[in-house]
């Protein structure tokens, strides 16, 4: 029986279907969220360059990393 499921979730990739499935089955989701992978073949820097997150961070006096992980 699966009790926990670790999955990548970020402000730009929220994994709604996986989270809903886990909730229906009583599985707790543990999330991790890389903030970017600039310069890598498999990644982007979209989270750190997101205009909405920049605005939220500025309004709260926080860095983009702090705003996206809170």
PDB file of N, CA and C in Angstrom:
ATOM      1  N   UNK A   1       0.843  -1.178   0.000  1.00  0.00           N
ATOM      2  CA  UNK A   1       0.000   0.000   0.000  1.00  0.00           C
ATOM      3  C   UNK A   1       0.894   1.248   0.000  1.00  0.00           C
ATOM      4  N   UNK A   2       0.596   2.177  -0.879  1.00  0.00           N
ATOM      5  CA  UNK A   2       1.357   3.421  -0.970  1.00  0.00           C
ATOM      6  C   UNK A   2       0.763   4.436  -0.001  1.00  0.00           C
ATOM      7  N   UNK A   3       1.625   5.000   0.847  1.00  0.00           N
ATOM      8  CA  UNK A   3       1.175   6.020   1.786  1.00  0.00           C
ATOM      9  C   UNK A   3       1.600   7.423   1.368  1.00  0.00           C
ATOM     10  N   UNK A   4       2.780   7.531   0.732  1.00  0.00           N
ATOM     11  CA  UNK A   4       3.311   8.812   0.310  1.00  0.00           C
ATOM     12  C   UNK A   4       3.776   8.712  -1.137  1.00  0.00           C
ATOM     13  N   UNK A   5       3.646   9.810  -1.880  1.00  0.00           N
ATOM     14  CA  UNK A   5       4.103   9.856  -3.257  1.00  0.00           C
ATOM     15  C   UNK A   5       4.868  11.158  -3.440  1.00  0.00           C
ATOM     16  N   UNK A   6       6.113  11.064  -3.850  1.00  0.00           N
ATOM     17  CA  UNK A   6       6.942  12.250  -4.054  1.00  0.00           C
ATOM     18  C   UNK A   6       6.889  12.629  -5.522  1.00  0.00           C
ATOM     19  N   UNK A   7       6.537  13.869  -5.794  1.00  0.00           N
ATOM     20  CA  UNK A   7       6.351  14.317  -7.169  1.00  0.00           C
ATOM     21  C   UNK A   7       6.817  15.766  -7.305  1.00  0.00           C
ATOM     22  N   UNK A   8       7.318  16.101  -8.486  1.00  0.00           N
ATOM     23  CA  UNK A   8       7.723  17.472  -8.748  1.00  0.00           C
ATOM     24  C   UNK A   8       6.494  18.351  -8.945  1.00  0.00           C
ATOM     25  N   UNK A   9       6.430  19.419  -8.171  1.00  0.00           N
ATOM     26  CA  UNK A   9       5.346  20.399  -8.282  1.00  0.00           C
ATOM     27  C   UNK A   9       5.975  21.781  -8.167  1.00  0.00           C
ATOM     28  N   UNK A  10       5.570  22.688  -9.028  1.00  0.00           N
ATOM     29  CA  UNK A  10       6.065  24.060  -8.961  1.00  0.00           C
ATOM     30  C   UNK A  10       4.903  25.007  -9.243  1.00  0.00           C
ATOM     31  N   UNK A  11       5.106  26.297  -9.046  1.00  0.00           N
ATOM     32  CA  UNK A  11       4.020  27.234  -9.355  1.00  0.00           C
ATOM     33  C   UNK A  11       3.565  27.149 -10.813  1.00  0.00           C
ATOM     34  N   UNK A  12       4.454  26.722 -11.696  1.00  0.00           N
ATOM     35  CA  UNK A  12       4.109  26.651 -13.115  1.00  0.00           C
ATOM     36  C   UNK A  12       3.717  25.248 -13.560  1.00  0.00           C
ATOM     37  N   UNK A  13       3.891  24.254 -12.705  1.00  0.00           N
ATOM     38  CA  UNK A  13       3.549  22.860 -13.028  1.00  0.00           C
ATOM     39  C   UNK A  13       2.940  22.248 -11.772  1.00  0.00           C
ATOM     40  N   UNK A  14       1.637  22.381 -11.605  1.00  0.00           N
ATOM     41  CA  UNK A  14       0.991  22.079 -10.336  1.00  0.00           C
ATOM     42  C   UNK A  14       0.494  20.641 -10.190  1.00  0.00           C
ATOM     43  N   UNK A  15       0.570  19.839 -11.237  1.00  0.00           N
ATOM     44  CA  UNK A  15       0.247  18.414 -11.168  1.00  0.00           C
ATOM     45  C   UNK A  15      -1.143  18.149 -10.577  1.00  0.00           C
ATOM     46  N   UNK A  16      -2.131  18.879 -11.023  1.00  0.00           N
ATOM     47  CA  UNK A  16      -3.477  18.785 -10.453  1.00  0.00           C
ATOM     48  C   UNK A  16      -4.060  17.366 -10.523  1.00  0.00           C
ATOM     49  N   UNK A  17      -3.917  16.693 -11.659  1.00  0.00           N
ATOM     50  CA  UNK A  17      -4.504  15.348 -11.799  1.00  0.00           C
ATOM     51  C   UNK A  17      -3.847  14.349 -10.851  1.00  0.00           C
ATOM     52  N   UNK A  18      -2.542  14.428 -10.690  1.00  0.00           N
ATOM     53  CA  UNK A  18      -1.861  13.521  -9.763  1.00  0.00           C
ATOM     54  C   UNK A  18      -2.295  13.803  -8.332  1.00  0.00           C
ATOM     55  N   UNK A  19      -2.381  15.084  -7.980  1.00  0.00           N
ATOM     56  CA  UNK A  19      -2.794  15.437  -6.619  1.00  0.00           C
ATOM     57  C   UNK A  19      -4.216  14.983  -6.328  1.00  0.00           C
ATOM     58  N   UNK A  20      -5.126  15.148  -7.306  1.00  0.00           N
ATOM     59  CA  UNK A  20      -6.512  14.701  -7.122  1.00  0.00           C
ATOM     60  C   UNK A  20      -6.576  13.182  -6.974  1.00  0.00           C
ATOM     61  N   UNK A  21      -5.838  12.452  -7.803  1.00  0.00           N
ATOM     62  CA  UNK A  21      -5.812  10.994  -7.712  1.00  0.00           C
ATOM     63  C   UNK A  21      -5.320  10.547  -6.336  1.00  0.00           C
ATOM     64  N   UNK A  22      -4.237  11.135  -5.887  1.00  0.00           N
ATOM     65  CA  UNK A  22      -3.684  10.769  -4.585  1.00  0.00           C
ATOM     66  C   UNK A  22      -4.669  11.078  -3.457  1.00  0.00           C
ATOM     67  N   UNK A  23      -5.330  12.221  -3.545  1.00  0.00           N
ATOM     68  CA  UNK A  23      -6.311  12.573  -2.518  1.00  0.00           C
ATOM     69  C   UNK A  23      -7.444  11.542  -2.474  1.00  0.00           C
ATOM     70  N   UNK A  24      -7.945  11.124  -3.637  1.00  0.00           N
ATOM     71  CA  UNK A  24      -9.013  10.120  -3.702  1.00  0.00           C
ATOM     72  C   UNK A  24      -8.590   8.788  -3.086  1.00  0.00           C
ATOM     73  N   UNK A  25      -7.314   8.439  -3.233  1.00  0.00           N
ATOM     74  CA  UNK A  25      -6.807   7.152  -2.752  1.00  0.00           C
ATOM     75  C   UNK A  25      -6.218   7.225  -1.351  1.00  0.00           C
ATOM     76  N   UNK A  26      -6.242   8.408  -0.735  1.00  0.00           N
ATOM     77  CA  UNK A  26      -5.683   8.565   0.609  1.00  0.00           C
ATOM     78  C   UNK A  26      -4.164   8.562   0.636  1.00  0.00           C
ATOM     79  N   UNK A  27      -3.546   8.934  -0.481  1.00  0.00           N
ATOM     80  CA  UNK A  27      -2.089   8.981  -0.583  1.00  0.00           C
ATOM     81  C   UNK A  27      -1.632  10.410  -0.321  1.00  0.00           C
ATOM     82  N   UNK A  28      -0.682  10.585   0.577  1.00  0.00           N
ATOM     83  CA  UNK A  28      -0.140  11.901   0.887  1.00  0.00           C
ATOM     84  C   UNK A  28       0.921  12.262  -0.142  1.00  0.00           C
ATOM     85  N   UNK A  29       0.842  13.472  -0.674  1.00  0.00           N
ATOM     86  CA  UNK A  29       1.805  13.938  -1.668  1.00  0.00           C
ATOM     87  C   UNK A  29       2.909  14.717  -0.974  1.00  0.00           C
ATOM     88  N   UNK A  30       4.139  14.334  -1.274  1.00  0.00           N
ATOM     89  CA  UNK A  30       5.305  15.095  -0.845  1.00  0.00           C
ATOM     90  C   UNK A  30       5.877  15.731  -2.102  1.00  0.00           C
ATOM     91  N   UNK A  31       5.971  17.036  -2.118  1.00  0.00           N
ATOM     92  CA  UNK A  31       6.381  17.732  -3.330  1.00  0.00           C
ATOM     93  C   UNK A  31       7.785  18.294  -3.205  1.00  0.00           C
ATOM     94  N   UNK A  32       8.446  18.328  -4.333  1.00  0.00           N
ATOM     95  CA  UNK A  32       9.706  19.064  -4.425  1.00  0.00           C
ATOM     96  C   UNK A  32       9.598  19.995  -5.611  1.00  0.00           C
ATOM     97  N   UNK A  33      10.343  21.082  -5.581  1.00  0.00           N
ATOM     98  CA  UNK A  33      10.196  22.075  -6.629  1.00  0.00           C
ATOM     99  C   UNK A  33      11.526  22.704  -6.983  1.00  0.00           C
ATOM    100  N   UNK A  34      12.183  22.198  -8.038  1.00  0.00           N
ATOM    101  CA  UNK A  34      13.386  22.886  -8.493  1.00  0.00           C
ATOM    102  C   UNK A  34      13.011  24.266  -9.010  1.00  0.00           C
ATOM    103  N   UNK A  35      13.809  25.237  -8.711  1.00  0.00           N
ATOM    104  CA  UNK A  35      13.490  26.600  -9.114  1.00  0.00           C
ATOM    105  C   UNK A  35      13.929  26.905 -10.536  1.00  0.00           C
ATOM    106  N   UNK A  36      14.730  26.051 -11.108  1.00  0.00           N
ATOM    107  CA  UNK A  36      15.150  26.270 -12.483  1.00  0.00           C
ATOM    108  C   UNK A  36      16.291  25.349 -12.859  1.00  0.00           C
ATOM    109  N   UNK A  37      16.543  25.300 -14.131  1.00  0.00           N
ATOM    110  CA  UNK A  37      17.627  24.483 -14.656  1.00  0.00           C
ATOM    111  C   UNK A  37      18.228  25.181 -15.871  1.00  0.00           C
ATOM    112  N   UNK A  38      18.511  26.438 -15.709  1.00  0.00           N
ATOM    113  CA  UNK A  38      19.015  27.243 -16.814  1.00  0.00           C
ATOM    114  C   UNK A  38      20.316  26.637 -17.348  1.00  0.00           C
ATOM    115  N   UNK A  39      20.383  26.509 -18.661  1.00  0.00           N
ATOM    116  CA  UNK A  39      21.578  25.992 -19.291  1.00  0.00           C
ATOM    117  C   UNK A  39      21.603  24.481 -19.443  1.00  0.00           C
ATOM    118  N   UNK A  40      20.614  23.802 -18.897  1.00  0.00           N
ATOM    119  CA  UNK A  40      20.549  22.353 -19.013  1.00  0.00           C
ATOM    120  C   UNK A  40      19.674  21.989 -20.214  1.00  0.00           C
ATOM    121  N   UNK A  41      19.958  20.868 -20.846  1.00  0.00           N
ATOM    122  CA  UNK A  41      19.182  20.431 -22.000  1.00  0.00           C
ATOM    123  C   UNK A  41      17.734  20.131 -21.633  1.00  0.00           C
ATOM    124  N   UNK A  42      17.480  19.687 -20.403  1.00  0.00           N
ATOM    125  CA  UNK A  42      16.160  19.233 -19.996  1.00  0.00           C
ATOM    126  C   UNK A  42      15.363  20.272 -19.221  1.00  0.00           C
ATOM    127  N   UNK A  43      15.915  21.436 -18.990  1.00  0.00           N
ATOM    128  CA  UNK A  43      15.196  22.362 -18.122  1.00  0.00           C
ATOM    129  C   UNK A  43      15.152  23.786 -18.631  1.00  0.00           C
ATOM    130  N   UNK A  44      14.469  24.605 -17.872  1.00  0.00           N
ATOM    131  CA  UNK A  44      14.332  26.019 -18.195  1.00  0.00           C
ATOM    132  C   UNK A  44      14.504  26.822 -16.914  1.00  0.00           C
ATOM    133  N   UNK A  45      14.391  28.101 -17.038  1.00  0.00           N
ATOM    134  CA  UNK A  45      14.447  28.996 -15.884  1.00  0.00           C
ATOM    135  C   UNK A  45      13.110  29.730 -15.742  1.00  0.00           C
ATOM    136  N   UNK A  46      12.025  29.088 -16.210  1.00  0.00           N
ATOM    137  CA  UNK A  46      10.714  29.745 -16.264  1.00  0.00           C
ATOM    138  C   UNK A  46      10.191  30.187 -14.905  1.00  0.00           C
ATOM    139  N   UNK A  47      10.446  29.431 -13.852  1.00  0.00           N
ATOM    140  CA  UNK A  47       9.956  29.820 -12.527  1.00  0.00           C
ATOM    141  C   UNK A  47      10.634  31.112 -12.084  1.00  0.00           C
ATOM    142  N   UNK A  48      11.948  31.167 -12.201  1.00  0.00           N
ATOM    143  CA  UNK A  48      12.684  32.340 -11.737  1.00  0.00           C
ATOM    144  C   UNK A  48      12.468  33.566 -12.630  1.00  0.00           C
ATOM    145  N   UNK A  49      11.989  33.358 -13.856  1.00  0.00           N
ATOM    146  CA  UNK A  49      11.744  34.468 -14.766  1.00  0.00           C
ATOM    147  C   UNK A  49      10.265  34.822 -14.903  1.00  0.00           C
ATOM    148  N   UNK A  50       9.407  34.195 -14.128  1.00  0.00           N
ATOM    149  CA  UNK A  50       7.963  34.407 -14.212  1.00  0.00           C
ATOM    150  C   UNK A  50       7.596  35.813 -13.697  1.00  0.00           C
ATOM    151  N   UNK A  51       6.957  36.595 -14.545  1.00  0.00           N
ATOM    152  CA  UNK A  51       6.606  37.973 -14.181  1.00  0.00           C
ATOM    153  C   UNK A  51       5.645  38.026 -12.987  1.00  0.00           C
ATOM    154  N   UNK A  52       4.690  37.126 -12.930  1.00  0.00           N
ATOM    155  CA  UNK A  52       3.738  37.114 -11.807  1.00  0.00           C
ATOM    156  C   UNK A  52       4.475  36.867 -10.490  1.00  0.00           C
ATOM    157  N   UNK A  53       5.393  35.888 -10.478  1.00  0.00           N
ATOM    158  CA  UNK A  53       6.155  35.620  -9.253  1.00  0.00           C
ATOM    159  C   UNK A  53       7.053  36.799  -8.888  1.00  0.00           C
ATOM    160  N   UNK A  54       7.600  37.480  -9.884  1.00  0.00           N
ATOM    161  CA  UNK A  54       8.414  38.675  -9.613  1.00  0.00           C
ATOM    162  C   UNK A  54       7.579  39.736  -8.911  1.00  0.00           C
ATOM    163  N   UNK A  55       6.351  39.934  -9.378  1.00  0.00           N
ATOM    164  CA  UNK A  55       5.467  40.936  -8.782  1.00  0.00           C
ATOM    165  C   UNK A  55       5.063  40.554  -7.361  1.00  0.00           C
ATOM    166  N   UNK A  56       4.750  39.283  -7.149  1.00  0.00           N
ATOM    167  CA  UNK A  56       4.392  38.812  -5.803  1.00  0.00           C
ATOM    168  C   UNK A  56       5.566  38.997  -4.858  1.00  0.00           C
ATOM    169  N   UNK A  57       6.755  38.609  -5.307  1.00  0.00           N
ATOM    170  CA  UNK A  57       7.950  38.736  -4.475  1.00  0.00           C
ATOM    171  C   UNK A  57       8.223  40.194  -4.118  1.00  0.00           C
ATOM    172  N   UNK A  58       8.143  41.071  -5.104  1.00  0.00           N
ATOM    173  CA  UNK A  58       8.390  42.494  -4.853  1.00  0.00           C
ATOM    174  C   UNK A  58       7.376  43.074  -3.874  1.00  0.00           C
ATOM    175  N   UNK A  59       6.111  42.693  -4.017  1.00  0.00           N
ATOM    176  CA  UNK A  59       5.063  43.206  -3.134  1.00  0.00           C
ATOM    177  C   UNK A  59       5.269  42.761  -1.690  1.00  0.00           C
ATOM    178  N   UNK A  60       5.893  41.614  -1.505  1.00  0.00           N
ATOM    179  CA  UNK A  60       6.105  41.073  -0.162  1.00  0.00           C
ATOM    180  C   UNK A  60       7.521  41.298   0.357  1.00  0.00           C
ATOM    181  N   UNK A  61       8.360  41.936  -0.428  1.00  0.00           N
ATOM    182  CA  UNK A  61       9.732  42.176  -0.013  1.00  0.00           C
ATOM    183  C   UNK A  61      10.547  40.893   0.097  1.00  0.00           C
ATOM    184  N   UNK A  62      10.270  39.944  -0.765  1.00  0.00           N
ATOM    185  CA  UNK A  62      10.939  38.639  -0.738  1.00  0.00           C
ATOM    186  C   UNK A  62      11.635  38.393  -2.070  1.00  0.00           C
ATOM    187  N   UNK A  63      12.490  37.384  -2.099  1.00  0.00           N
ATOM    188  CA  UNK A  63      13.086  36.965  -3.366  1.00  0.00           C
ATOM    189  C   UNK A  63      12.065  36.099  -4.110  1.00  0.00           C
ATOM    190  N   UNK A  64      12.297  35.867  -5.386  1.00  0.00           N
ATOM    191  CA  UNK A  64      11.409  35.002  -6.163  1.00  0.00           C
ATOM    192  C   UNK A  64      11.409  33.592  -5.580  1.00  0.00           C
ATOM    193  N   UNK A  65      12.579  33.121  -5.168  1.00  0.00           N
ATOM    194  CA  UNK A  65      12.674  31.785  -4.557  1.00  0.00           C
ATOM    195  C   UNK A  65      11.818  31.696  -3.292  1.00  0.00           C
ATOM    196  N   UNK A  66      11.881  32.713  -2.440  1.00  0.00           N
ATOM    197  CA  UNK A  66      11.086  32.711  -1.210  1.00  0.00           C
ATOM    198  C   UNK A  66       9.593  32.761  -1.526  1.00  0.00           C
ATOM    199  N   UNK A  67       9.200  33.585  -2.488  1.00  0.00           N
ATOM    200  CA  UNK A  67       7.785  33.710  -2.834  1.00  0.00           C
ATOM    201  C   UNK A  67       7.241  32.422  -3.438  1.00  0.00           C
ATOM    202  N   UNK A  68       8.026  31.730  -4.234  1.00  0.00           N
ATOM    203  CA  UNK A  68       7.517  30.537  -4.893  1.00  0.00           C
ATOM    204  C   UNK A  68       7.504  29.321  -3.983  1.00  0.00           C
ATOM    205  N   UNK A  69       8.200  29.355  -2.886  1.00  0.00           N
ATOM    206  CA  UNK A  69       8.242  28.214  -1.961  1.00  0.00           C
ATOM    207  C   UNK A  69       7.418  28.435  -0.704  1.00  0.00           C
ATOM    208  N   UNK A  70       6.692  29.511  -0.639  1.00  0.00           N
ATOM    209  CA  UNK A  70       5.906  29.756   0.577  1.00  0.00           C
ATOM    210  C   UNK A  70       4.452  29.400   0.377  1.00  0.00           C
TER     211      UNK A  70
END
